C-alpha atoms as a PDB file:
ATOM      1  CA  MET A   1     -48.481  56.219 -41.970  1.00  0.00           C
ATOM      2  CA  VAL A   2     -44.963  55.964 -40.475  1.00  0.00           C
ATOM      3  CA  PHE A   3     -43.832  57.793 -37.344  1.00  0.00           C
ATOM      4  CA  ASN A   4     -40.258  56.545 -37.007  1.00  0.00           C
ATOM      5  CA  ILE A   5     -37.615  54.492 -38.783  1.00  0.00           C
ATOM      6  CA  GLN A   6     -35.056  53.466 -36.196  1.00  0.00           C
ATOM      7  CA  LYS A   7     -31.661  52.393 -37.464  1.00  0.00           C
ATOM      8  CA  TYR A   8     -29.256  50.055 -35.655  1.00  0.00           C
ATOM      9  CA  SER A   9     -31.907  48.578 -33.406  1.00  0.00           C
ATOM     10  CA  ILE A  10     -30.883  45.599 -31.249  1.00  0.00           C
ATOM     11  CA  HIS A  11     -34.104  45.116 -29.287  1.00  0.00           C
ATOM     12  CA  ASP A  12     -36.657  44.056 -31.902  1.00  0.00           C
ATOM     13  CA  GLY A  13     -35.418  40.667 -33.000  1.00  0.00           C
ATOM     14  CA  PRO A  14     -32.059  39.012 -33.663  1.00  0.00           C
ATOM     15  CA  GLY A  15     -28.975  40.851 -34.891  1.00  0.00           C
ATOM     16  CA  ILE A  16     -28.772  44.454 -36.017  1.00  0.00           C
ATOM     17  CA  ARG A  17     -32.088  45.662 -37.391  1.00  0.00           C
ATOM     18  CA  THR A  18     -33.988  48.606 -38.778  1.00  0.00           C
ATOM     19  CA  THR A  19     -37.348  49.000 -37.056  1.00  0.00           C
ATOM     20  CA  VAL A  20     -40.161  50.653 -38.982  1.00  0.00           C
ATOM     21  CA  PHE A  21     -42.825  52.048 -36.649  1.00  0.00           C
ATOM     22  CA  LEU A  22     -46.333  52.427 -38.093  1.00  0.00           C
ATOM     23  CA  LYS A  23     -49.091  54.568 -36.550  1.00  0.00           C
ATOM     24  CA  GLY A  24     -52.417  53.179 -35.425  1.00  0.00           C
ATOM     25  CA  CYS A  25     -53.257  50.533 -32.815  1.00  0.00           C
ATOM     26  CA  PRO A  26     -56.541  48.938 -31.669  1.00  0.00           C
ATOM     27  CA  LEU A  27     -55.218  48.745 -28.085  1.00  0.00           C
ATOM     28  CA  CYS A  28     -54.653  51.592 -25.643  1.00  0.00           C
ATOM     29  CA  CYS A  29     -52.317  49.951 -23.128  1.00  0.00           C
ATOM     30  CA  GLN A  30     -51.867  52.130 -20.073  1.00  0.00           C
ATOM     31  CA  TRP A  31     -48.123  51.385 -20.013  1.00  0.00           C
ATOM     32  CA  CYS A  32     -47.587  52.007 -23.732  1.00  0.00           C
ATOM     33  CA  HIS A  33     -44.037  53.198 -24.349  1.00  0.00           C
ATOM     34  CA  ASN A  34     -44.996  54.549 -27.787  1.00  0.00           C
ATOM     35  CA  PRO A  35     -48.290  56.411 -27.141  1.00  0.00           C
ATOM     36  CA  GLU A  36     -47.644  58.405 -30.302  1.00  0.00           C
ATOM     37  CA  SER A  37     -48.374  55.150 -32.142  1.00  0.00           C
ATOM     38  CA  GLN A  38     -51.929  54.710 -30.863  1.00  0.00           C
ATOM     39  CA  SER A  39     -53.655  57.228 -33.138  1.00  0.00           C
ATOM     40  CA  ALA A  40     -53.641  56.473 -36.846  1.00  0.00           C
ATOM     41  CA  LYS A  41     -53.355  60.206 -37.599  1.00  0.00           C
ATOM     42  CA  PRO A  42     -50.359  62.562 -37.397  1.00  0.00           C
ATOM     43  CA  GLU A  43     -49.861  64.305 -34.051  1.00  0.00           C
ATOM     44  CA  VAL A  44     -47.792  67.131 -32.585  1.00  0.00           C
ATOM     45  CA  MET A  45     -45.231  66.312 -29.917  1.00  0.00           C
ATOM     46  CA  PHE A  46     -43.805  69.180 -27.844  1.00  0.00           C
ATOM     47  CA  VAL A  47     -40.527  68.748 -25.945  1.00  0.00           C
ATOM     48  CA  GLN A  48     -40.566  71.657 -23.515  1.00  0.00           C
ATOM     49  CA  SER A  49     -36.924  71.290 -22.474  1.00  0.00           C
ATOM     50  CA  ARG A  50     -35.857  72.194 -26.028  1.00  0.00           C
ATOM     51  CA  CYS A  51     -38.074  75.267 -26.278  1.00  0.00           C
ATOM     52  CA  VAL A  52     -36.347  78.679 -26.192  1.00  0.00           C
ATOM     53  CA  VAL A  53     -39.668  80.603 -26.272  1.00  0.00           C
ATOM     54  CA  CYS A  54     -38.769  82.344 -29.516  1.00  0.00           C
ATOM     55  CA  GLY A  55     -42.413  82.662 -30.600  1.00  0.00           C
ATOM     56  CA  GLU A  56     -41.897  81.291 -34.110  1.00  0.00           C
ATOM     57  CA  CYS A  57     -44.544  78.587 -33.631  1.00  0.00           C
ATOM     58  CA  ARG A  58     -47.157  81.208 -32.700  1.00  0.00           C
ATOM     59  CA  ARG A  59     -46.115  83.484 -35.536  1.00  0.00           C
ATOM     60  CA  VAL A  60     -46.826  80.883 -38.229  1.00  0.00           C
ATOM     61  CA  CYS A  61     -49.853  79.185 -36.629  1.00  0.00           C
ATOM     62  CA  ALA A  62     -53.213  80.294 -38.046  1.00  0.00           C
ATOM     63  CA  PHE A  63     -54.976  79.127 -34.863  1.00  0.00           C
ATOM     64  CA  ALA A  64     -52.659  80.737 -32.287  1.00  0.00           C
ATOM     65  CA  ARG A  65     -54.580  84.015 -32.203  1.00  0.00           C
ATOM     66  CA  ALA A  66     -57.364  82.344 -30.224  1.00  0.00           C
ATOM     67  CA  LEU A  67     -54.951  81.261 -27.495  1.00  0.00           C
ATOM     68  CA  PRO A  68     -54.145  83.488 -24.501  1.00  0.00           C
ATOM     69  CA  GLY A  69     -50.580  84.219 -23.400  1.00  0.00           C
ATOM     70  CA  GLU A  70     -47.321  84.498 -25.248  1.00  0.00           C
ATOM     71  CA  GLY A  71     -45.548  81.263 -24.378  1.00  0.00           C
ATOM     72  CA  PRO A  72     -45.035  78.256 -26.666  1.00  0.00           C
ATOM     73  CA  LEU A  73     -48.019  76.605 -28.255  1.00  0.00           C
ATOM     74  CA  PRO A  74     -49.324  73.538 -26.402  1.00  0.00           C
ATOM     75  CA  PRO A  75     -49.211  70.198 -28.236  1.00  0.00           C
ATOM     76  CA  ARG A  76     -52.945  70.223 -28.846  1.00  0.00           C
ATOM     77  CA  VAL A  77     -54.391  73.407 -30.341  1.00  0.00           C
ATOM     78  CA  GLU A  78     -58.116  73.573 -31.030  1.00  0.00           C
ATOM     79  CA  GLY A  79     -58.781  73.576 -34.741  1.00  0.00           C
ATOM     80  CA  CYS A  80     -55.244  72.456 -35.639  1.00  0.00           C
ATOM     81  CA  ASN A  81     -55.130  71.005 -39.136  1.00  0.00           C
ATOM     82  CA  LEU A  82     -51.640  69.500 -38.690  1.00  0.00           C
ATOM     83  CA  CYS A  83     -50.185  71.577 -41.495  1.00  0.00           C
ATOM     84  CA  GLY A  84     -46.739  71.153 -39.924  1.00  0.00           C
ATOM     85  CA  GLU A  85     -45.669  74.773 -40.250  1.00  0.00           C
ATOM     86  CA  CYS A  86     -45.050  75.150 -36.499  1.00  0.00           C
ATOM     87  CA  GLY A  87     -42.630  72.219 -36.582  1.00  0.00           C
ATOM     88  CA  GLU A  88     -40.830  73.571 -39.627  1.00  0.00           C
ATOM     89  CA  ALA A  89     -40.531  77.013 -37.994  1.00  0.00           C
ATOM     90  CA  CYS A  90     -39.208  75.692 -34.665  1.00  0.00           C
ATOM     91  CA  PRO A  91     -35.408  76.258 -34.650  1.00  0.00           C
ATOM     92  CA  THR A  92     -34.684  73.744 -31.867  1.00  0.00           C
ATOM     93  CA  GLY A  93     -36.901  70.808 -32.821  1.00  0.00           C
ATOM     94  CA  ALA A  94     -39.085  71.310 -29.747  1.00  0.00           C
ATOM     95  CA  ARG A  95     -42.196  70.828 -31.907  1.00  0.00           C
ATOM     96  CA  GLN A  96     -42.424  67.794 -34.145  1.00  0.00           C
ATOM     97  CA  ILE A  97     -45.127  66.405 -36.366  1.00  0.00           C
ATOM     98  CA  LEU A  98     -45.193  62.641 -35.827  1.00  0.00           C
ATOM     99  CA  GLY A  99     -46.592  60.613 -38.689  1.00  0.00           C
ATOM    100  CA  GLN A 100     -46.027  60.929 -42.409  1.00  0.00           C
ATOM    101  CA  ARG A 101     -47.336  59.027 -45.370  1.00  0.00           C
ATOM    102  CA  MET A 102     -44.612  57.032 -47.098  1.00  0.00           C
ATOM    103  CA  THR A 103     -44.644  54.574 -49.971  1.00  0.00           C
ATOM    104  CA  VAL A 104     -43.179  51.095 -49.806  1.00  0.00           C
ATOM    105  CA  ASN A 105     -40.316  52.209 -52.054  1.00  0.00           C
ATOM    106  CA  GLU A 106     -39.529  55.215 -49.854  1.00  0.00           C
ATOM    107  CA  VAL A 107     -39.284  53.024 -46.765  1.00  0.00           C
ATOM    108  CA  LEU A 108     -37.378  50.310 -48.629  1.00  0.00           C
ATOM    109  CA  GLU A 109     -34.775  52.844 -49.744  1.00  0.00           C
ATOM    110  CA  GLN A 110     -33.949  53.623 -46.111  1.00  0.00           C
ATOM    111  CA  ILE A 111     -33.983  49.955 -45.149  1.00  0.00           C
ATOM    112  CA  ALA A 112     -31.743  48.800 -47.978  1.00  0.00           C
ATOM    113  CA  ALA A 113     -29.039  51.338 -47.083  1.00  0.00           C
ATOM    114  CA  ASP A 114     -28.085  49.168 -44.095  1.00  0.00           C
ATOM    115  CA  SER A 115     -28.139  45.758 -45.782  1.00  0.00           C
ATOM    116  CA  LEU A 116     -24.477  45.160 -44.933  1.00  0.00           C
ATOM    117  CA  PHE A 117     -25.239  45.324 -41.211  1.00  0.00           C
ATOM    118  CA  TYR A 118     -28.087  42.828 -41.581  1.00  0.00           C
ATOM    119  CA  ASP A 119     -25.901  40.366 -43.471  1.00  0.00           C
ATOM    120  CA  GLU A 120     -23.044  40.446 -40.973  1.00  0.00           C
ATOM    121  CA  SER A 121     -25.236  40.152 -37.854  1.00  0.00           C
ATOM    122  CA  ALA A 122     -28.044  37.870 -39.103  1.00  0.00           C
ATOM    123  CA  GLY A 123     -30.339  40.850 -38.566  1.00  0.00           C
ATOM    124  CA  GLY A 124     -32.952  42.442 -40.755  1.00  0.00           C
ATOM    125  CA  VAL A 125     -36.054  44.594 -40.629  1.00  0.00           C
ATOM    126  CA  THR A 126     -38.751  44.647 -37.962  1.00  0.00           C
ATOM    127  CA  ILE A 127     -42.115  46.237 -38.690  1.00  0.00           C
ATOM    128  CA  SER A 128     -43.661  47.470 -35.476  1.00  0.00           C
ATOM    129  CA  GLY A 129     -46.045  50.129 -34.266  1.00  0.00           C
ATOM    130  CA  GLY A 130     -48.681  50.716 -33.222  1.00  0.00           C
ATOM    131  CA  GLU A 131     -50.081  47.598 -34.789  1.00  0.00           C
ATOM    132  CA  PRO A 132     -48.666  46.805 -38.251  1.00  0.00           C
ATOM    133  CA  LEU A 133     -51.704  44.702 -39.162  1.00  0.00           C
ATOM    134  CA  SER A 134     -53.845  47.844 -39.021  1.00  0.00           C
ATOM    135  CA  GLN A 135     -52.084  48.903 -42.259  1.00  0.00           C
ATOM    136  CA  LEU A 136     -52.363  45.518 -43.915  1.00  0.00           C
ATOM    137  CA  ALA A 137     -51.843  46.421 -47.584  1.00  0.00           C
ATOM    138  CA  PHE A 138     -48.735  48.470 -46.810  1.00  0.00           C
ATOM    139  CA  LEU A 139     -47.392  45.718 -44.537  1.00  0.00           C
ATOM    140  CA  ARG A 140     -47.814  43.063 -47.208  1.00  0.00           C
ATOM    141  CA  GLY A 141     -46.135  45.276 -49.790  1.00  0.00           C
ATOM    142  CA  LEU A 142     -43.176  46.063 -47.560  1.00  0.00           C
ATOM    143  CA  LEU A 143     -42.663  42.411 -46.594  1.00  0.00           C
ATOM    144  CA  GLN A 144     -42.708  41.397 -50.252  1.00  0.00           C
ATOM    145  CA  ALA A 145     -40.272  44.169 -51.191  1.00  0.00           C
ATOM    146  CA  CYS A 146     -37.862  43.103 -48.448  1.00  0.00           C
ATOM    147  CA  ARG A 147     -38.100  39.460 -49.484  1.00  0.00           C
ATOM    148  CA  SER A 148     -37.301  40.382 -53.077  1.00  0.00           C
ATOM    149  CA  ARG A 149     -34.091  42.031 -51.789  1.00  0.00           C
ATOM    150  CA  GLY A 150     -33.192  39.046 -49.599  1.00  0.00           C
ATOM    151  CA  ILE A 151     -33.725  41.045 -46.391  1.00  0.00           C
ATOM    152  CA  ARG A 152     -34.963  39.070 -43.381  1.00  0.00           C
ATOM    153  CA  THR A 153     -38.154  40.383 -41.803  1.00  0.00           C
ATOM    154  CA  ALA A 154     -39.987  40.325 -38.495  1.00  0.00           C
ATOM    155  CA  VAL A 155     -43.434  41.628 -37.583  1.00  0.00           C
ATOM    156  CA  ASP A 156     -44.217  42.803 -34.051  1.00  0.00           C
ATOM    157  CA  THR A 157     -47.926  42.358 -33.298  1.00  0.00           C
ATOM    158  CA  CYS A 158     -50.346  42.635 -30.375  1.00  0.00           C
ATOM    159  CA  GLY A 159     -52.338  39.831 -32.008  1.00  0.00           C
ATOM    160  CA  PHE A 160     -55.633  41.750 -32.029  1.00  0.00           C
ATOM    161  CA  ALA A 161     -56.540  41.446 -35.702  1.00  0.00           C
ATOM    162  CA  CYS A 162     -58.450  39.399 -38.229  1.00  0.00           C
ATOM    163  CA  THR A 163     -57.123  35.833 -38.063  1.00  0.00           C
ATOM    164  CA  ASP A 164     -56.855  35.493 -41.846  1.00  0.00           C
ATOM    165  CA  ALA A 165     -54.816  38.701 -42.021  1.00  0.00           C
ATOM    166  CA  LEU A 166     -52.453  37.548 -39.273  1.00  0.00           C
ATOM    167  CA  LEU A 167     -51.869  34.171 -40.896  1.00  0.00           C
ATOM    168  CA  ASP A 168     -51.372  35.720 -44.324  1.00  0.00           C
ATOM    169  CA  VAL A 169     -48.718  38.054 -42.927  1.00  0.00           C
ATOM    170  CA  ALA A 170     -47.115  35.217 -40.954  1.00  0.00           C
ATOM    171  CA  ARG A 171     -46.566  33.301 -44.188  1.00  0.00           C
ATOM    172  CA  ARG A 172     -44.778  36.326 -45.650  1.00  0.00           C
ATOM    173  CA  THR A 173     -42.338  36.982 -42.792  1.00  0.00           C
ATOM    174  CA  ASP A 174     -39.448  35.116 -41.215  1.00  0.00           C
ATOM    175  CA  LEU A 175     -40.240  35.920 -37.576  1.00  0.00           C
ATOM    176  CA  ILE A 176     -43.289  36.978 -35.567  1.00  0.00           C
ATOM    177  CA  LEU A 177     -42.905  38.877 -32.299  1.00  0.00           C
ATOM    178  CA  PHE A 178     -46.201  38.260 -30.482  1.00  0.00           C
ATOM    179  CA  ASP A 179     -47.168  40.202 -27.359  1.00  0.00           C
ATOM    180  CA  LEU A 180     -48.960  38.594 -24.405  1.00  0.00           C
ATOM    181  CA  LYS A 181     -49.978  41.042 -21.719  1.00  0.00           C
ATOM    182  CA  LEU A 182     -52.587  39.560 -19.357  1.00  0.00           C
ATOM    183  CA  MET A 183     -54.346  36.200 -19.254  1.00  0.00           C
ATOM    184  CA  ASP A 184     -57.462  37.307 -17.369  1.00  0.00           C
ATOM    185  CA  ASP A 185     -59.914  38.789 -19.863  1.00  0.00           C
ATOM    186  CA  ALA A 186     -61.458  41.328 -17.476  1.00  0.00           C
ATOM    187  CA  ARG A 187     -58.046  42.664 -16.441  1.00  0.00           C
ATOM    188  CA  HIS A 188     -56.941  42.725 -20.063  1.00  0.00           C
ATOM    189  CA  ARG A 189     -59.974  44.836 -20.972  1.00  0.00           C
ATOM    190  CA  ALA A 190     -59.350  47.184 -18.037  1.00  0.00           C
ATOM    191  CA  PHE A 191     -55.719  47.919 -18.907  1.00  0.00           C
ATOM    192  CA  THR A 192     -55.681  47.662 -22.725  1.00  0.00           C
ATOM    193  CA  GLY A 193     -59.252  48.487 -23.747  1.00  0.00           C
ATOM    194  CA  VAL A 194     -59.915  45.192 -25.574  1.00  0.00           C
ATOM    195  CA  SER A 195     -60.631  41.535 -24.849  1.00  0.00           C
ATOM    196  CA  ASN A 196     -57.776  39.036 -24.992  1.00  0.00           C
ATOM    197  CA  GLU A 197     -59.985  36.262 -26.397  1.00  0.00           C
ATOM    198  CA  PRO A 198     -59.229  36.989 -30.091  1.00  0.00           C
ATOM    199  CA  ILE A 199     -55.541  37.448 -29.215  1.00  0.00           C
ATOM    200  CA  LEU A 200     -55.259  34.016 -27.593  1.00  0.00           C
ATOM    201  CA  ALA A 201     -57.270  32.419 -30.416  1.00  0.00           C
ATOM    202  CA  ASN A 202     -54.980  34.043 -32.990  1.00  0.00           C
ATOM    203  CA  LEU A 203     -51.890  32.785 -31.192  1.00  0.00           C
ATOM    204  CA  LYS A 204     -53.237  29.234 -31.311  1.00  0.00           C
ATOM    205  CA  ALA A 205     -53.961  29.639 -35.028  1.00  0.00           C
ATOM    206  CA  LEU A 206     -50.489  31.061 -35.630  1.00  0.00           C
ATOM    207  CA  ASP A 207     -48.939  28.111 -33.845  1.00  0.00           C
ATOM    208  CA  LEU A 208     -50.434  25.743 -36.410  1.00  0.00           C
ATOM    209  CA  ILE A 209     -48.718  27.346 -39.406  1.00  0.00           C
ATOM    210  CA  HIS A 210     -45.589  29.173 -38.190  1.00  0.00           C
ATOM    211  CA  LYS A 211     -42.691  27.647 -36.279  1.00  0.00           C
ATOM    212  CA  ASN A 212     -40.585  30.711 -35.638  1.00  0.00           C
ATOM    213  CA  TYR A 213     -42.112  33.208 -33.267  1.00  0.00           C
ATOM    214  CA  TRP A 214     -41.183  34.876 -30.005  1.00  0.00           C
ATOM    215  CA  ILE A 215     -43.571  35.663 -27.186  1.00  0.00           C
ATOM    216  CA  ARG A 216     -42.974  39.079 -25.634  1.00  0.00           C
ATOM    217  CA  VAL A 217     -44.348  39.759 -22.154  1.00  0.00           C
ATOM    218  CA  PRO A 218     -44.216  43.334 -20.815  1.00  0.00           C
ATOM    219  CA  LEU A 219     -43.587  43.220 -17.057  1.00  0.00           C
ATOM    220  CA  ILE A 220     -45.695  45.939 -15.433  1.00  0.00           C
ATOM    221  CA  PRO A 221     -45.442  46.195 -11.630  1.00  0.00           C
ATOM    222  CA  GLY A 222     -48.775  45.817  -9.903  1.00  0.00           C
ATOM    223  CA  ILE A 223     -50.623  44.982 -13.117  1.00  0.00           C
ATOM    224  CA  ASN A 224     -49.359  41.718 -14.612  1.00  0.00           C
ATOM    225  CA  ASP A 225     -46.330  40.728 -12.513  1.00  0.00           C
ATOM    226  CA  ASP A 226     -48.257  38.638  -9.976  1.00  0.00           C
ATOM    227  CA  THR A 227     -47.396  34.964  -9.793  1.00  0.00           C
ATOM    228  CA  ALA A 228     -50.880  33.844 -10.840  1.00  0.00           C
ATOM    229  CA  ASN A 229     -50.778  35.786 -14.117  1.00  0.00           C
ATOM    230  CA  LEU A 230     -47.184  34.839 -14.907  1.00  0.00           C
ATOM    231  CA  GLU A 231     -47.875  31.149 -14.285  1.00  0.00           C
ATOM    232  CA  ALA A 232     -51.053  31.266 -16.386  1.00  0.00           C
ATOM    233  CA  THR A 233     -49.104  32.938 -19.192  1.00  0.00           C
ATOM    234  CA  ALA A 234     -46.241  30.436 -18.980  1.00  0.00           C
ATOM    235  CA  ARG A 235     -48.650  27.481 -18.910  1.00  0.00           C
ATOM    236  CA  PHE A 236     -50.422  28.726 -22.034  1.00  0.00           C
ATOM    237  CA  VAL A 237     -47.168  29.400 -23.898  1.00  0.00           C
ATOM    238  CA  ALA A 238     -45.733  26.010 -22.912  1.00  0.00           C
ATOM    239  CA  SER A 239     -48.714  24.317 -24.591  1.00  0.00           C
ATOM    240  CA  LEU A 240     -47.647  25.746 -27.978  1.00  0.00           C
ATOM    241  CA  TYR A 241     -45.164  24.251 -30.441  1.00  0.00           C
ATOM    242  CA  GLY A 242     -43.608  27.085 -32.429  1.00  0.00           C
ATOM    243  CA  VAL A 243     -42.356  29.295 -29.606  1.00  0.00           C
ATOM    244  CA  VAL A 244     -38.621  29.926 -29.935  1.00  0.00           C
ATOM    245  CA  GLN A 245     -38.298  31.985 -26.768  1.00  0.00           C
ATOM    246  CA  VAL A 246     -40.090  34.211 -24.285  1.00  0.00           C
ATOM    247  CA  CYS A 247     -38.868  37.793 -23.931  1.00  0.00           C
ATOM    248  CA  VAL A 248     -39.591  39.548 -20.638  1.00  0.00           C
ATOM    249  CA  LEU A 249     -39.794  43.296 -21.262  1.00  0.00           C
ATOM    250  CA  PRO A 250     -39.422  45.314 -18.022  1.00  0.00           C
ATOM    251  CA  TYR A 251     -41.582  48.436 -17.835  1.00  0.00           C
ATOM    252  CA  HIS A 252     -39.825  51.785 -18.138  1.00  0.00           C
ATOM    253  CA  ALA A 253     -41.140  55.323 -17.717  1.00  0.00           C
ATOM    254  CA  ILE A 254     -40.287  56.659 -21.181  1.00  0.00           C
ATOM    255  CA  GLY A 255     -43.904  56.325 -22.242  1.00  0.00           C
ATOM    256  CA  ALA A 256     -45.149  58.527 -19.393  1.00  0.00           C
ATOM    257  CA  ASN A 257     -42.983  61.415 -20.641  1.00  0.00           C
ATOM    258  CA  LYS A 258     -44.270  60.900 -24.169  1.00  0.00           C
ATOM    259  CA  PHE A 259     -47.903  61.075 -23.026  1.00  0.00           C
ATOM    260  CA  ARG A 260     -47.174  64.505 -21.523  1.00  0.00           C
ATOM    261  CA  ARG A 261     -45.355  65.664 -24.658  1.00  0.00           C
ATOM    262  CA  LEU A 262     -48.485  64.787 -26.624  1.00  0.00           C
ATOM    263  CA  GLY A 263     -50.595  66.885 -24.266  1.00  0.00           C
ATOM    264  CA  LEU A 264     -52.147  63.818 -22.630  1.00  0.00           C
ATOM    265  CA  SER A 265     -52.157  62.582 -19.054  1.00  0.00           C
ATOM    266  CA  ALA A 266     -50.043  59.491 -18.399  1.00  0.00           C
ATOM    267  CA  PRO A 267     -52.275  56.706 -16.980  1.00  0.00           C
ATOM    268  CA  LEU A 268     -49.409  55.207 -14.951  1.00  0.00           C
ATOM    269  CA  ASP A 269     -47.578  58.400 -14.080  1.00  0.00           C
ATOM    270  CA  GLY A 270     -45.176  57.754 -11.196  1.00  0.00           C
ATOM    271  CA  LEU A 271     -44.997  53.988 -11.663  1.00  0.00           C
ATOM    272  CA  LYS A 272     -41.443  52.741 -11.145  1.00  0.00           C
ATOM    273  CA  PRO A 273     -39.779  50.035 -13.260  1.00  0.00           C
ATOM    274  CA  PRO A 274     -39.558  46.540 -11.762  1.00  0.00           C
ATOM    275  CA  SER A 275     -36.486  45.783  -9.674  1.00  0.00           C
ATOM    276  CA  ALA A 276     -33.823  43.335 -10.822  1.00  0.00           C
ATOM    277  CA  GLU A 277     -35.235  40.842  -8.319  1.00  0.00           C
ATOM    278  CA  GLN A 278     -38.743  41.178  -9.780  1.00  0.00           C
ATOM    279  CA  VAL A 279     -37.409  40.611 -13.301  1.00  0.00           C
ATOM    280  CA  ARG A 280     -35.460  37.519 -12.207  1.00  0.00           C
ATOM    281  CA  ALA A 281     -38.543  36.153 -10.443  1.00  0.00           C
ATOM    282  CA  ALA A 282     -40.568  36.511 -13.655  1.00  0.00           C
ATOM    283  CA  GLU A 283     -37.813  34.775 -15.626  1.00  0.00           C
ATOM    284  CA  GLU A 284     -37.830  31.872 -13.200  1.00  0.00           C
ATOM    285  CA  VAL A 285     -41.566  31.357 -13.599  1.00  0.00           C
ATOM    286  CA  PHE A 286     -41.180  30.878 -17.362  1.00  0.00           C
ATOM    287  CA  LYS A 287     -38.085  28.712 -16.964  1.00  0.00           C
ATOM    288  CA  SER A 288     -39.963  26.455 -14.561  1.00  0.00           C
ATOM    289  CA  PHE A 289     -42.263  25.546 -17.477  1.00  0.00           C
ATOM    290  CA  GLY A 290     -39.290  24.559 -19.627  1.00  0.00           C
ATOM    291  CA  LEU A 291     -39.295  27.706 -21.741  1.00  0.00           C
ATOM    292  CA  ARG A 292     -36.266  29.530 -23.087  1.00  0.00           C
ATOM    293  CA  VAL A 293     -36.326  33.022 -21.594  1.00  0.00           C
ATOM    294  CA  GLY A 294     -34.484  36.289 -22.118  1.00  0.00           C
ATOM    295  CA  VAL A 295     -34.836  39.861 -20.944  1.00  0.00           C
ATOM    296  CA  GLY A 296     -35.473  42.353 -23.741  1.00  0.00           C
ATOM    297  CA  GLY A 297     -35.442  41.430 -27.397  1.00  0.00           C
END
């Protein structure tokens, strides 16, 4: 179940990349910048600024008759079976169905079209989400298909998965992008919905068998940017052997807009991105533990 294939990406690993975004994630991070990735099922996204109130979506929708008014359909209509007809009828692209089933070969065809860019930039393909490990069979197949074409691969994971599955995938990919969000378990549960204990255990297990992974730390003001959490994170990462670098990922508000377009309330609506000074302070914490650090990536 794929919801986006992003060409010419420069933020999901080294070089120029194609990022394949899969739907479905066991976490529900309040700052998620891809909330459309959390559900494993297709969803409707409505971009109101594109809507010209032509009424085509209501005309083709079998469930619109039960709704009052004459304006555009909301993103979430009771009884909706996600047939996709409203999106096909929309002349401006204001309504989109996010999530479609694709085969490994269908995805590989789009990936392989940009092989020249990967070769010249030492780039490749990044499989992200959502959580790629939640679609394990597809992930394995796509990694194998890319390897058979000589295309470098990376997998972006939250680390909340079966350890055997994570290690199996790690052996099949060139690079792992591993997210670390909060070190305190209670705070991690409060803001992501799950414990961080299996995540930290999986990272230790990964460190034993894979020597090329990046740690990615989202920097969320007021949630995980305090010195105590950053130092605890840096201390844990510095105890590992295979870490190539730490990537600090400053929060941005794109996700809040997406929550609204999905017909959901944004948990952190109104939160502002960290200042340049806050980002530099976080960088310095990781550098003080002897770690290589970058912003983004």
